[in-house]
């Protein structure tokens, strides 16, 4: 049964600071070609279209944070994880677009 939950929106600066502090594992749920074209350094690509929660990276006590292009797919990825019993509830609000709009660097 689906239970209601809240997706926790993180700002680009919160994600940047948490990445630098080693507190999160950033999961890019965009397609492989999107990730290869441009990505946030350190993000691990697990496309939403093939999301297998068993293949999510080990968090090792860190918080898994989902991200996509604009925030829609990462919210869906959180819902998929929660519906499968995986406790993921954070995402980068606005995705990589918000990251770039904040002046943060990407890798091409």
PDB file of N, CA and C in Angstrom:
ATOM      1  N   UNK A   1       0.835  -1.187   0.000  1.00  0.00           N
ATOM      2  CA  UNK A   1       0.000   0.000   0.000  1.00  0.00           C
ATOM      3  C   UNK A   1       0.871   1.239   0.000  1.00  0.00           C
ATOM      4  N   UNK A   2       0.488   2.228  -0.773  1.00  0.00           N
ATOM      5  CA  UNK A   2       1.239   3.464  -0.866  1.00  0.00           C
ATOM      6  C   UNK A   2       0.982   4.310   0.365  1.00  0.00           C
ATOM      7  N   UNK A   3       2.065   4.759   0.987  1.00  0.00           N
ATOM      8  CA  UNK A   3       1.907   5.658   2.124  1.00  0.00           C
ATOM      9  C   UNK A   3       2.392   7.042   1.721  1.00  0.00           C
ATOM     10  N   UNK A   4       1.750   8.042   2.247  1.00  0.00           N
ATOM     11  CA  UNK A   4       2.128   9.409   1.913  1.00  0.00           C
ATOM     12  C   UNK A   4       3.430   9.760   2.622  1.00  0.00           C
ATOM     13  N   UNK A   5       4.259  10.507   1.928  1.00  0.00           N
ATOM     14  CA  UNK A   5       5.516  10.966   2.489  1.00  0.00           C
ATOM     15  C   UNK A   5       5.855  12.279   1.830  1.00  0.00           C
ATOM     16  N   UNK A   6       6.806  12.954   2.379  1.00  0.00           N
ATOM     17  CA  UNK A   6       7.230  14.227   1.830  1.00  0.00           C
ATOM     18  C   UNK A   6       8.610  14.072   1.210  1.00  0.00           C
ATOM     19  N   UNK A   7       8.750  14.555  -0.005  1.00  0.00           N
ATOM     20  CA  UNK A   7      10.063  14.604  -0.629  1.00  0.00           C
ATOM     21  C   UNK A   7      10.775  15.804  -0.030  1.00  0.00           C
ATOM     22  N   UNK A   8      11.975  15.578   0.489  1.00  0.00           N
ATOM     23  CA  UNK A   8      12.727  16.664   1.112  1.00  0.00           C
ATOM     24  C   UNK A   8      13.568  17.360   0.044  1.00  0.00           C
ATOM     25  N   UNK A   9      13.241  18.625  -0.185  1.00  0.00           N
ATOM     26  CA  UNK A   9      13.940  19.422  -1.182  1.00  0.00           C
ATOM     27  C   UNK A   9      15.229  19.988  -0.613  1.00  0.00           C
ATOM     28  N   UNK A  10      16.325  19.717  -1.296  1.00  0.00           N
ATOM     29  CA  UNK A  10      17.604  20.299  -0.918  1.00  0.00           C
ATOM     30  C   UNK A  10      17.996  21.338  -1.956  1.00  0.00           C
ATOM     31  N   UNK A  11      18.589  22.427  -1.510  1.00  0.00           N
ATOM     32  CA  UNK A  11      19.046  23.469  -2.422  1.00  0.00           C
ATOM     33  C   UNK A  11      20.395  23.058  -3.012  1.00  0.00           C
ATOM     34  N   UNK A  12      20.779  23.667  -4.130  1.00  0.00           N
ATOM     35  CA  UNK A  12      22.099  23.372  -4.686  1.00  0.00           C
ATOM     36  C   UNK A  12      23.230  23.585  -3.674  1.00  0.00           C
ATOM     37  N   UNK A  13      23.159  24.658  -2.889  1.00  0.00           N
ATOM     38  CA  UNK A  13      24.238  24.899  -1.922  1.00  0.00           C
ATOM     39  C   UNK A  13      24.254  23.840  -0.819  1.00  0.00           C
ATOM     40  N   UNK A  14      23.077  23.364  -0.401  1.00  0.00           N
ATOM     41  CA  UNK A  14      23.035  22.286   0.598  1.00  0.00           C
ATOM     42  C   UNK A  14      23.663  21.012   0.034  1.00  0.00           C
ATOM     43  N   UNK A  15      23.341  20.685  -1.222  1.00  0.00           N
ATOM     44  CA  UNK A  15      23.901  19.485  -1.852  1.00  0.00           C
ATOM     45  C   UNK A  15      25.414  19.632  -2.009  1.00  0.00           C
ATOM     46  N   UNK A  16      25.857  20.790  -2.487  1.00  0.00           N
ATOM     47  CA  UNK A  16      27.294  21.039  -2.660  1.00  0.00           C
ATOM     48  C   UNK A  16      28.036  20.860  -1.331  1.00  0.00           C
ATOM     49  N   UNK A  17      27.541  21.510  -0.278  1.00  0.00           N
ATOM     50  CA  UNK A  17      28.186  21.432   1.030  1.00  0.00           C
ATOM     51  C   UNK A  17      28.191  20.001   1.569  1.00  0.00           C
ATOM     52  N   UNK A  18      27.073  19.287   1.399  1.00  0.00           N
ATOM     53  CA  UNK A  18      26.976  17.906   1.888  1.00  0.00           C
ATOM     54  C   UNK A  18      27.871  16.961   1.092  1.00  0.00           C
ATOM     55  N   UNK A  19      27.990  17.203  -0.222  1.00  0.00           N
ATOM     56  CA  UNK A  19      28.904  16.407  -1.045  1.00  0.00           C
ATOM     57  C   UNK A  19      30.338  16.608  -0.579  1.00  0.00           C
ATOM     58  N   UNK A  20      30.716  17.875  -0.404  1.00  0.00           N
ATOM     59  CA  UNK A  20      32.084  18.193   0.024  1.00  0.00           C
ATOM     60  C   UNK A  20      32.396  17.628   1.404  1.00  0.00           C
ATOM     61  N   UNK A  21      31.389  17.564   2.270  1.00  0.00           N
ATOM     62  CA  UNK A  21      31.576  17.034   3.623  1.00  0.00           C
ATOM     63  C   UNK A  21      31.503  15.509   3.664  1.00  0.00           C
ATOM     64  N   UNK A  22      31.173  14.883   2.515  1.00  0.00           N
ATOM     65  CA  UNK A  22      31.069  13.427   2.474  1.00  0.00           C
ATOM     66  C   UNK A  22      29.854  12.885   3.194  1.00  0.00           C
ATOM     67  N   UNK A  23      28.791  13.697   3.275  1.00  0.00           N
ATOM     68  CA  UNK A  23      27.596  13.299   4.014  1.00  0.00           C
ATOM     69  C   UNK A  23      26.521  12.656   3.145  1.00  0.00           C
ATOM     70  N   UNK A  24      26.639  12.815   1.818  1.00  0.00           N
ATOM     71  CA  UNK A  24      25.607  12.291   0.922  1.00  0.00           C
ATOM     72  C   UNK A  24      26.219  11.492  -0.216  1.00  0.00           C
ATOM     73  N   UNK A  25      25.373  10.678  -0.836  1.00  0.00           N
ATOM     74  CA  UNK A  25      25.685  10.021  -2.102  1.00  0.00           C
ATOM     75  C   UNK A  25      24.666  10.586  -3.084  1.00  0.00           C
ATOM     76  N   UNK A  26      25.158  11.258  -4.130  1.00  0.00           N
ATOM     77  CA  UNK A  26      24.287  11.893  -5.104  1.00  0.00           C
ATOM     78  C   UNK A  26      24.022  10.937  -6.255  1.00  0.00           C
ATOM     79  N   UNK A  27      22.747  10.664  -6.522  1.00  0.00           N
ATOM     80  CA  UNK A  27      22.334   9.733  -7.566  1.00  0.00           C
ATOM     81  C   UNK A  27      21.632  10.503  -8.684  1.00  0.00           C
ATOM     82  N   UNK A  28      22.223  10.457  -9.875  1.00  0.00           N
ATOM     83  CA  UNK A  28      21.679  11.116 -11.061  1.00  0.00           C
ATOM     84  C   UNK A  28      20.748  10.134 -11.747  1.00  0.00           C
ATOM     85  N   UNK A  29      19.437  10.444 -11.762  1.00  0.00           N
ATOM     86  CA  UNK A  29      18.462   9.513 -12.334  1.00  0.00           C
ATOM     87  C   UNK A  29      18.139   9.841 -13.793  1.00  0.00           C
ATOM     88  N   UNK A  30      18.920  10.733 -14.415  1.00  0.00           N
ATOM     89  CA  UNK A  30      18.735  11.018 -15.841  1.00  0.00           C
ATOM     90  C   UNK A  30      19.281   9.843 -16.655  1.00  0.00           C
ATOM     91  N   UNK A  31      18.994   9.847 -17.943  1.00  0.00           N
ATOM     92  CA  UNK A  31      19.459   8.773 -18.819  1.00  0.00           C
ATOM     93  C   UNK A  31      20.987   8.835 -18.981  1.00  0.00           C
ATOM     94  N   UNK A  32      21.571   7.713 -19.362  1.00  0.00           N
ATOM     95  CA  UNK A  32      23.024   7.590 -19.482  1.00  0.00           C
ATOM     96  C   UNK A  32      23.615   8.671 -20.384  1.00  0.00           C
ATOM     97  N   UNK A  33      22.975   8.925 -21.549  1.00  0.00           N
ATOM     98  CA  UNK A  33      23.522   9.921 -22.471  1.00  0.00           C
ATOM     99  C   UNK A  33      23.484  11.327 -21.869  1.00  0.00           C
ATOM    100  N   UNK A  34      22.466  11.636 -21.080  1.00  0.00           N
ATOM    101  CA  UNK A  34      22.387  12.939 -20.412  1.00  0.00           C
ATOM    102  C   UNK A  34      23.517  13.083 -19.394  1.00  0.00           C
ATOM    103  N   UNK A  35      23.734  12.010 -18.628  1.00  0.00           N
ATOM    104  CA  UNK A  35      24.785  12.011 -17.602  1.00  0.00           C
ATOM    105  C   UNK A  35      26.161  12.155 -18.237  1.00  0.00           C
ATOM    106  N   UNK A  36      26.382  11.440 -19.349  1.00  0.00           N
ATOM    107  CA  UNK A  36      27.681  11.530 -20.032  1.00  0.00           C
ATOM    108  C   UNK A  36      27.930  12.921 -20.599  1.00  0.00           C
ATOM    109  N   UNK A  37      26.869  13.575 -21.083  1.00  0.00           N
ATOM    110  CA  UNK A  37      27.009  14.902 -21.698  1.00  0.00           C
ATOM    111  C   UNK A  37      27.377  15.972 -20.670  1.00  0.00           C
ATOM    112  N   UNK A  38      26.770  15.889 -19.493  1.00  0.00           N
ATOM    113  CA  UNK A  38      27.031  16.875 -18.441  1.00  0.00           C
ATOM    114  C   UNK A  38      26.554  16.308 -17.118  1.00  0.00           C
ATOM    115  N   UNK A  39      27.374  16.465 -16.094  1.00  0.00           N
ATOM    116  CA  UNK A  39      27.017  15.894 -14.795  1.00  0.00           C
ATOM    117  C   UNK A  39      27.620  16.708 -13.650  1.00  0.00           C
ATOM    118  N   UNK A  40      27.088  16.464 -12.477  1.00  0.00           N
ATOM    119  CA  UNK A  40      27.648  17.019 -11.253  1.00  0.00           C
ATOM    120  C   UNK A  40      28.741  16.053 -10.813  1.00  0.00           C
ATOM    121  N   UNK A  41      29.935  16.591 -10.579  1.00  0.00           N
ATOM    122  CA  UNK A  41      31.065  15.740 -10.202  1.00  0.00           C
ATOM    123  C   UNK A  41      30.720  14.925  -8.961  1.00  0.00           C
ATOM    124  N   UNK A  42      30.931  13.617  -9.063  1.00  0.00           N
ATOM    125  CA  UNK A  42      30.661  12.715  -7.953  1.00  0.00           C
ATOM    126  C   UNK A  42      29.303  12.030  -8.010  1.00  0.00           C
ATOM    127  N   UNK A  43      28.429  12.496  -8.903  1.00  0.00           N
ATOM    128  CA  UNK A  43      27.100  11.878  -9.010  1.00  0.00           C
ATOM    129  C   UNK A  43      27.205  10.507  -9.672  1.00  0.00           C
ATOM    130  N   UNK A  44      26.441   9.568  -9.171  1.00  0.00           N
ATOM    131  CA  UNK A  44      26.408   8.207  -9.704  1.00  0.00           C
ATOM    132  C   UNK A  44      25.140   8.052 -10.527  1.00  0.00           C
ATOM    133  N   UNK A  45      25.275   7.576 -11.763  1.00  0.00           N
ATOM    134  CA  UNK A  45      24.144   7.491 -12.686  1.00  0.00           C
ATOM    135  C   UNK A  45      23.377   6.184 -12.512  1.00  0.00           C
ATOM    136  N   UNK A  46      22.097   6.292 -12.137  1.00  0.00           N
ATOM    137  CA  UNK A  46      21.164   5.172 -12.056  1.00  0.00           C
ATOM    138  C   UNK A  46      19.866   5.673 -12.686  1.00  0.00           C
ATOM    139  N   UNK A  47      19.702   5.492 -14.021  1.00  0.00           N
ATOM    140  CA  UNK A  47      18.545   6.061 -14.719  1.00  0.00           C
ATOM    141  C   UNK A  47      17.196   5.613 -14.153  1.00  0.00           C
ATOM    142  N   UNK A  48      16.285   6.576 -14.031  1.00  0.00           N
ATOM    143  CA  UNK A  48      14.938   6.282 -13.540  1.00  0.00           C
ATOM    144  C   UNK A  48      14.256   5.233 -14.407  1.00  0.00           C
ATOM    145  N   UNK A  49      14.500   5.278 -15.726  1.00  0.00           N
ATOM    146  CA  UNK A  49      13.830   4.344 -16.630  1.00  0.00           C
ATOM    147  C   UNK A  49      14.193   2.885 -16.355  1.00  0.00           C
ATOM    148  N   UNK A  50      15.320   2.670 -15.683  1.00  0.00           N
ATOM    149  CA  UNK A  50      15.763   1.309 -15.363  1.00  0.00           C
ATOM    150  C   UNK A  50      16.004   1.160 -13.861  1.00  0.00           C
ATOM    151  N   UNK A  51      15.329   1.973 -13.061  1.00  0.00           N
ATOM    152  CA  UNK A  51      15.634   2.025 -11.633  1.00  0.00           C
ATOM    153  C   UNK A  51      15.396   0.688 -10.945  1.00  0.00           C
ATOM    154  N   UNK A  52      16.475   0.101 -10.515  1.00  0.00           N
ATOM    155  CA  UNK A  52      16.460  -1.137  -9.736  1.00  0.00           C
ATOM    156  C   UNK A  52      17.028  -0.750  -8.374  1.00  0.00           C
ATOM    157  N   UNK A  53      16.167  -0.723  -7.371  1.00  0.00           N
ATOM    158  CA  UNK A  53      16.621  -0.265  -6.058  1.00  0.00           C
ATOM    159  C   UNK A  53      17.754  -1.130  -5.500  1.00  0.00           C
ATOM    160  N   UNK A  54      17.857  -2.362  -5.958  1.00  0.00           N
ATOM    161  CA  UNK A  54      18.953  -3.222  -5.515  1.00  0.00           C
ATOM    162  C   UNK A  54      20.296  -2.743  -6.076  1.00  0.00           C
ATOM    163  N   UNK A  55      20.252  -1.928  -7.135  1.00  0.00           N
ATOM    164  CA  UNK A  55      21.487  -1.448  -7.751  1.00  0.00           C
ATOM    165  C   UNK A  55      21.850  -0.018  -7.328  1.00  0.00           C
ATOM    166  N   UNK A  56      21.116   0.515  -6.370  1.00  0.00           N
ATOM    167  CA  UNK A  56      21.488   1.825  -5.850  1.00  0.00           C
ATOM    168  C   UNK A  56      22.833   1.708  -5.137  1.00  0.00           C
ATOM    169  N   UNK A  57      23.634   2.761  -5.184  1.00  0.00           N
ATOM    170  CA  UNK A  57      24.937   2.684  -4.516  1.00  0.00           C
ATOM    171  C   UNK A  57      24.779   2.516  -3.008  1.00  0.00           C
ATOM    172  N   UNK A  58      25.778   1.888  -2.404  1.00  0.00           N
ATOM    173  CA  UNK A  58      25.789   1.742  -0.950  1.00  0.00           C
ATOM    174  C   UNK A  58      25.930   3.117  -0.320  1.00  0.00           C
ATOM    175  N   UNK A  59      25.087   3.405   0.643  1.00  0.00           N
ATOM    176  CA  UNK A  59      25.133   4.717   1.279  1.00  0.00           C
ATOM    177  C   UNK A  59      26.153   4.763   2.416  1.00  0.00           C
ATOM    178  N   UNK A  60      26.439   3.623   3.034  1.00  0.00           N
ATOM    179  CA  UNK A  60      27.410   3.555   4.137  1.00  0.00           C
ATOM    180  C   UNK A  60      27.185   4.650   5.173  1.00  0.00           C
ATOM    181  N   UNK A  61      25.927   4.797   5.600  1.00  0.00           N
ATOM    182  CA  UNK A  61      25.600   5.773   6.623  1.00  0.00           C
ATOM    183  C   UNK A  61      25.359   7.175   6.090  1.00  0.00           C
ATOM    184  N   UNK A  62      25.561   7.372   4.805  1.00  0.00           N
ATOM    185  CA  UNK A  62      25.318   8.681   4.201  1.00  0.00           C
ATOM    186  C   UNK A  62      23.869   8.732   3.715  1.00  0.00           C
ATOM    187  N   UNK A  63      23.415   9.911   3.365  1.00  0.00           N
ATOM    188  CA  UNK A  63      22.069  10.111   2.848  1.00  0.00           C
ATOM    189  C   UNK A  63      22.095  10.005   1.330  1.00  0.00           C
ATOM    190  N   UNK A  64      21.220   9.183   0.756  1.00  0.00           N
ATOM    191  CA  UNK A  64      21.083   9.132  -0.698  1.00  0.00           C
ATOM    192  C   UNK A  64      20.240  10.322  -1.129  1.00  0.00           C
ATOM    193  N   UNK A  65      20.744  11.057  -2.115  1.00  0.00           N
ATOM    194  CA  UNK A  65      20.038  12.225  -2.650  1.00  0.00           C
ATOM    195  C   UNK A  65      19.893  12.034  -4.152  1.00  0.00           C
ATOM    196  N   UNK A  66      18.661  12.106  -4.641  1.00  0.00           N
ATOM    197  CA  UNK A  66      18.395  11.949  -6.069  1.00  0.00           C
ATOM    198  C   UNK A  66      18.473  13.301  -6.772  1.00  0.00           C
ATOM    199  N   UNK A  67      18.884  13.275  -8.048  1.00  0.00           N
ATOM    200  CA  UNK A  67      18.802  14.496  -8.852  1.00  0.00           C
ATOM    201  C   UNK A  67      18.557  14.132 -10.300  1.00  0.00           C
ATOM    202  N   UNK A  68      17.985  15.087 -11.041  1.00  0.00           N
ATOM    203  CA  UNK A  68      17.721  14.913 -12.465  1.00  0.00           C
ATOM    204  C   UNK A  68      17.967  16.251 -13.155  1.00  0.00           C
ATOM    205  N   UNK A  69      17.258  16.509 -14.244  1.00  0.00           N
ATOM    206  CA  UNK A  69      17.439  17.764 -14.974  1.00  0.00           C
ATOM    207  C   UNK A  69      16.751  18.934 -14.269  1.00  0.00           C
ATOM    208  N   UNK A  70      15.467  18.713 -13.886  1.00  0.00           N
ATOM    209  CA  UNK A  70      14.705  19.815 -13.321  1.00  0.00           C
ATOM    210  C   UNK A  70      13.979  19.516 -12.020  1.00  0.00           C
ATOM    211  N   UNK A  71      14.038  18.284 -11.543  1.00  0.00           N
ATOM    212  CA  UNK A  71      13.429  17.923 -10.266  1.00  0.00           C
ATOM    213  C   UNK A  71      12.242  16.983 -10.342  1.00  0.00           C
ATOM    214  N   UNK A  72      11.685  16.771 -11.533  1.00  0.00           N
ATOM    215  CA  UNK A  72      10.506  15.915 -11.656  1.00  0.00           C
ATOM    216  C   UNK A  72      10.885  14.436 -11.565  1.00  0.00           C
ATOM    217  N   UNK A  73      11.872  14.025 -12.360  1.00  0.00           N
ATOM    218  CA  UNK A  73      12.266  12.597 -12.334  1.00  0.00           C
ATOM    219  C   UNK A  73      12.852  12.202 -10.986  1.00  0.00           C
ATOM    220  N   UNK A  74      13.580  13.105 -10.347  1.00  0.00           N
ATOM    221  CA  UNK A  74      14.155  12.748  -9.040  1.00  0.00           C
ATOM    222  C   UNK A  74      13.052  12.575  -7.993  1.00  0.00           C
ATOM    223  N   UNK A  75      11.987  13.382  -8.076  1.00  0.00           N
ATOM    224  CA  UNK A  75      10.843  13.192  -7.171  1.00  0.00           C
ATOM    225  C   UNK A  75      10.192  11.835  -7.427  1.00  0.00           C
ATOM    226  N   UNK A  76      10.059  11.470  -8.708  1.00  0.00           N
ATOM    227  CA  UNK A  76       9.500  10.156  -9.053  1.00  0.00           C
ATOM    228  C   UNK A  76      10.398   9.034  -8.542  1.00  0.00           C
ATOM    229  N   UNK A  77      11.711   9.215  -8.647  1.00  0.00           N
ATOM    230  CA  UNK A  77      12.656   8.195  -8.168  1.00  0.00           C
ATOM    231  C   UNK A  77      12.516   8.000  -6.667  1.00  0.00           C
ATOM    232  N   UNK A  78      12.336   9.090  -5.932  1.00  0.00           N
ATOM    233  CA  UNK A  78      12.106   8.984  -4.490  1.00  0.00           C
ATOM    234  C   UNK A  78      10.847   8.162  -4.228  1.00  0.00           C
ATOM    235  N   UNK A  79       9.776   8.437  -4.981  1.00  0.00           N
ATOM    236  CA  UNK A  79       8.520   7.697  -4.800  1.00  0.00           C
ATOM    237  C   UNK A  79       8.698   6.216  -5.117  1.00  0.00           C
ATOM    238  N   UNK A  80       9.424   5.900  -6.194  1.00  0.00           N
ATOM    239  CA  UNK A  80       9.689   4.498  -6.548  1.00  0.00           C
ATOM    240  C   UNK A  80      10.432   3.808  -5.403  1.00  0.00           C
ATOM    241  N   UNK A  81      11.465   4.457  -4.893  1.00  0.00           N
ATOM    242  CA  UNK A  81      12.237   3.866  -3.793  1.00  0.00           C
ATOM    243  C   UNK A  81      11.369   3.635  -2.569  1.00  0.00           C
ATOM    244  N   UNK A  82      10.579   4.641  -2.187  1.00  0.00           N
ATOM    245  CA  UNK A  82       9.743   4.518  -1.007  1.00  0.00           C
ATOM    246  C   UNK A  82       8.698   3.412  -1.181  1.00  0.00           C
ATOM    247  N   UNK A  83       8.119   3.319  -2.382  1.00  0.00           N
ATOM    248  CA  UNK A  83       7.122   2.281  -2.640  1.00  0.00           C
ATOM    249  C   UNK A  83       7.727   0.888  -2.598  1.00  0.00           C
ATOM    250  N   UNK A  84       9.039   0.797  -2.799  1.00  0.00           N
ATOM    251  CA  UNK A  84       9.736  -0.495  -2.738  1.00  0.00           C
ATOM    252  C   UNK A  84      10.403  -0.714  -1.390  1.00  0.00           C
ATOM    253  N   UNK A  85      10.099   0.134  -0.432  1.00  0.00           N
ATOM    254  CA  UNK A  85      10.606  -0.048   0.924  1.00  0.00           C
ATOM    255  C   UNK A  85      12.002   0.489   1.162  1.00  0.00           C
ATOM    256  N   UNK A  86      12.539   1.274   0.228  1.00  0.00           N
ATOM    257  CA  UNK A  86      13.872   1.860   0.390  1.00  0.00           C
ATOM    258  C   UNK A  86      13.698   3.274   0.917  1.00  0.00           C
ATOM    259  N   UNK A  87      14.329   3.560   2.035  1.00  0.00           N
ATOM    260  CA  UNK A  87      14.143   4.844   2.690  1.00  0.00           C
ATOM    261  C   UNK A  87      15.003   5.937   2.045  1.00  0.00           C
ATOM    262  N   UNK A  88      14.515   6.447   0.943  1.00  0.00           N
ATOM    263  CA  UNK A  88      15.124   7.578   0.255  1.00  0.00           C
ATOM    264  C   UNK A  88      14.082   8.679   0.239  1.00  0.00           C
ATOM    265  N   UNK A  89      14.442   9.867   0.685  1.00  0.00           N
ATOM    266  CA  UNK A  89      13.447  10.938   0.653  1.00  0.00           C
ATOM    267  C   UNK A  89      14.011  12.311   0.293  1.00  0.00           C
ATOM    268  N   UNK A  90      15.272  12.387  -0.101  1.00  0.00           N
ATOM    269  CA  UNK A  90      15.880  13.672  -0.461  1.00  0.00           C
ATOM    270  C   UNK A  90      16.130  13.777  -1.957  1.00  0.00           C
ATOM    271  N   UNK A  91      15.965  14.996  -2.480  1.00  0.00           N
ATOM    272  CA  UNK A  91      16.358  15.238  -3.862  1.00  0.00           C
ATOM    273  C   UNK A  91      16.824  16.682  -4.013  1.00  0.00           C
ATOM    274  N   UNK A  92      17.579  16.915  -5.076  1.00  0.00           N
ATOM    275  CA  UNK A  92      18.055  18.256  -5.407  1.00  0.00           C
ATOM    276  C   UNK A  92      16.909  18.985  -6.091  1.00  0.00           C
ATOM    277  N   UNK A  93      16.290  19.927  -5.393  1.00  0.00           N
ATOM    278  CA  UNK A  93      15.170  20.686  -5.952  1.00  0.00           C
ATOM    279  C   UNK A  93      15.659  21.474  -7.163  1.00  0.00           C
ATOM    280  N   UNK A  94      14.958  21.298  -8.284  1.00  0.00           N
ATOM    281  CA  UNK A  94      15.335  22.001  -9.505  1.00  0.00           C
ATOM    282  C   UNK A  94      16.422  21.314 -10.309  1.00  0.00           C
ATOM    283  N   UNK A  95      16.943  20.210  -9.783  1.00  0.00           N
ATOM    284  CA  UNK A  95      17.921  19.398 -10.505  1.00  0.00           C
ATOM    285  C   UNK A  95      19.191  20.127 -10.915  1.00  0.00           C
ATOM    286  N   UNK A  96      19.833  19.573 -11.947  1.00  0.00           N
ATOM    287  CA  UNK A  96      21.086  20.130 -12.430  1.00  0.00           C
ATOM    288  C   UNK A  96      20.875  21.542 -12.998  1.00  0.00           C
ATOM    289  N   UNK A  97      19.653  21.835 -13.452  1.00  0.00           N
ATOM    290  CA  UNK A  97      19.361  23.197 -13.929  1.00  0.00           C
ATOM    291  C   UNK A  97      19.528  24.206 -12.799  1.00  0.00           C
ATOM    292  N   UNK A  98      19.005  23.890 -11.609  1.00  0.00           N
ATOM    293  CA  UNK A  98      19.133  24.774 -10.453  1.00  0.00           C
ATOM    294  C   UNK A  98      20.592  24.855 -10.008  1.00  0.00           C
ATOM    295  N   UNK A  99      21.291  23.737 -10.086  1.00  0.00           N
ATOM    296  CA  UNK A  99      22.716  23.677  -9.741  1.00  0.00           C
ATOM    297  C   UNK A  99      23.501  24.679 -10.602  1.00  0.00           C
ATOM    298  N   UNK A 100      23.273  24.609 -11.909  1.00  0.00           N
ATOM    299  CA  UNK A 100      23.980  25.512 -12.840  1.00  0.00           C
ATOM    300  C   UNK A 100      23.529  26.962 -12.641  1.00  0.00           C
ATOM    301  N   UNK A 101      22.236  27.179 -12.403  1.00  0.00           N
ATOM    302  CA  UNK A 101      21.722  28.533 -12.186  1.00  0.00           C
ATOM    303  C   UNK A 101      22.319  29.174 -10.929  1.00  0.00           C
ATOM    304  N   UNK A 102      22.769  28.316  -9.986  1.00  0.00           N
ATOM    305  CA  UNK A 102      23.415  28.804  -8.776  1.00  0.00           C
ATOM    306  C   UNK A 102      24.899  29.081  -8.993  1.00  0.00           C
ATOM    307  N   UNK A 103      25.356  28.856 -10.229  1.00  0.00           N
ATOM    308  CA  UNK A 103      26.756  29.119 -10.551  1.00  0.00           C
ATOM    309  C   UNK A 103      27.702  27.999 -10.159  1.00  0.00           C
ATOM    310  N   UNK A 104      27.149  26.814  -9.887  1.00  0.00           N
ATOM    311  CA  UNK A 104      27.985  25.685  -9.487  1.00  0.00           C
ATOM    312  C   UNK A 104      28.477  24.933 -10.728  1.00  0.00           C
ATOM    313  N   UNK A 105      29.662  24.337 -10.645  1.00  0.00           N
ATOM    314  CA  UNK A 105      30.267  23.719 -11.814  1.00  0.00           C
ATOM    315  C   UNK A 105      29.710  22.335 -12.146  1.00  0.00           C
ATOM    316  N   UNK A 106      29.780  22.013 -13.439  1.00  0.00           N
ATOM    317  CA  UNK A 106      29.449  20.669 -13.916  1.00  0.00           C
ATOM    318  C   UNK A 106      30.646  20.141 -14.692  1.00  0.00           C
ATOM    319  N   UNK A 107      30.633  18.850 -14.928  1.00  0.00           N
ATOM    320  CA  UNK A 107      31.675  18.199 -15.727  1.00  0.00           C
ATOM    321  C   UNK A 107      31.060  17.824 -17.059  1.00  0.00           C
ATOM    322  N   UNK A 108      31.776  18.153 -18.140  1.00  0.00           N
ATOM    323  CA  UNK A 108      31.290  17.819 -19.477  1.00  0.00           C
ATOM    324  C   UNK A 108      32.226  16.800 -20.096  1.00  0.00           C
TER     325      UNK A 108
END
